[in-house]
Structure formats: C-alpha cells, structure tokens
Amino acid sequence: MAYTGRVTSAESLGRILQQARLLNGLSQRELARRLGTSQRYIWELEAGKPSILMDRLFAMMRQTGVSLTATIGEDDHG
C-alpha cells in the first residue's frame, strides 16, 4: 500500500522522510550509517530544520508554481 503526500516545506518533507524510515524499520542511527552521515543530520532533516538551500528551494517552487509529491511504499529503490 502506497502513501502519497505533498511536499510544501522542509517540515513536510521531514515528516515524509521520517515516515518512510519508520516504515522501513530503520532507526536514525542505522539509516545514517547506511548513508555515511551522522544521526544528527538525519534528525535535522526529519525535524525540518531550516537551511538556506531548503528555504530557497521551496521559495522558488512557490514562485514558479511547482509542486512536489512524495510516494512511500512503492519499491522502486531497487
């Protein structure tokens, strides 16, 4: 069963990423290990911590009418 959600901010992206991680049975620490990054970085992404890049990205999307949708549950990550 797939879940689809609109990504409109760093916070909404973080919630979707967290849900996907949990559905895959991964802890933040394990996901960080697999990605070669820190657990804190995963936490910051999931918490929707502001960054200049993310702020600019979502501002540009709003100004240009771009929408982004994320789908969890379809096995296309091979």
Protein backbone atom coordinates (compact mmCIF):
# COMPACT_ATOMS: atom_id res chain seq x y z
CA MET A 1 0.00 0.00 0.00
CA ALA A 2 1.47 3.33 -1.05
CA TYR A 3 1.16 6.68 0.70
CA THR A 4 1.45 9.89 -1.28
CA GLY A 5 1.90 13.32 0.26
CA ARG A 6 2.55 16.83 -0.99
CA VAL A 7 5.90 18.34 -0.11
CA THR A 8 5.41 22.05 0.55
CA SER A 9 8.11 22.82 3.11
CA ALA A 10 11.17 21.42 4.83
CA GLU A 11 8.86 20.34 7.65
CA SER A 12 6.52 18.36 5.41
CA LEU A 13 9.49 16.75 3.66
CA GLY A 14 10.93 15.83 7.06
CA ARG A 15 7.69 14.19 8.17
CA ILE A 16 7.52 12.15 4.96
CA LEU A 17 11.16 11.07 5.27
CA GLN A 18 10.61 10.07 8.89
CA GLN A 19 7.53 8.05 7.98
CA ALA A 20 9.43 6.29 5.20
CA ARG A 21 12.31 5.47 7.54
CA LEU A 22 9.95 4.06 10.15
CA LEU A 23 8.02 2.02 7.58
CA ASN A 24 11.34 0.51 6.52
CA GLY A 25 12.11 -0.42 10.11
CA LEU A 26 15.21 1.75 10.31
CA SER A 27 16.49 3.76 13.23
CA GLN A 28 18.02 7.16 12.57
CA ARG A 29 21.39 5.70 13.55
CA GLU A 30 21.11 2.77 11.11
CA LEU A 31 19.97 5.00 8.24
CA ALA A 32 22.83 7.40 8.95
CA ARG A 33 25.30 4.50 8.93
CA ARG A 34 23.97 3.28 5.57
CA LEU A 35 24.21 6.79 4.11
CA GLY A 36 27.63 7.55 5.59
CA THR A 37 26.39 10.53 7.58
CA SER A 38 25.57 11.36 11.18
CA GLN A 39 22.44 10.53 13.14
CA ARG A 40 22.15 14.25 13.90
CA TYR A 41 21.91 15.03 10.17
CA ILE A 42 19.04 12.54 9.80
CA TRP A 43 17.35 14.08 12.83
CA GLU A 44 17.73 17.59 11.38
CA LEU A 45 16.23 16.52 8.03
CA GLU A 46 13.28 14.82 9.71
CA ALA A 47 12.74 17.78 12.02
CA GLY A 48 12.57 20.12 9.03
CA LYS A 49 15.43 22.23 10.34
CA PRO A 50 15.76 25.35 8.21
CA SER A 51 18.63 25.70 5.80
CA ILE A 52 19.36 28.33 3.21
CA LEU A 53 19.20 25.74 0.43
CA MET A 54 15.83 24.34 1.52
CA ASP A 55 14.35 27.81 2.11
CA ARG A 56 15.39 28.93 -1.37
CA LEU A 57 14.21 25.70 -2.96
CA PHE A 58 10.70 25.94 -1.51
CA ALA A 59 10.51 29.70 -2.21
CA MET A 60 11.40 29.05 -5.84
CA MET A 61 8.82 26.27 -6.05
CA ARG A 62 6.13 28.59 -4.68
CA GLN A 63 7.05 31.42 -7.04
CA THR A 64 7.07 29.20 -10.11
CA GLY A 65 4.03 27.09 -9.29
CA VAL A 66 5.98 23.85 -8.93
CA SER A 67 4.54 21.16 -6.71
CA LEU A 68 6.36 18.15 -5.38
CA THR A 69 4.77 14.88 -4.33
CA ALA A 70 6.45 12.04 -2.47
CA THR A 71 5.26 8.45 -2.52
CA ILE A 72 6.11 5.94 0.19
CA GLY A 73 5.59 2.25 -0.32
CA GLU A 74 6.39 1.62 -3.95
CA ASP A 75 9.50 -0.49 -4.35
CA ASP A 76 11.50 1.46 -6.90
CA HIS A 77 14.67 1.98 -4.88
CA GLY A 78 15.97 -1.39 -6.02
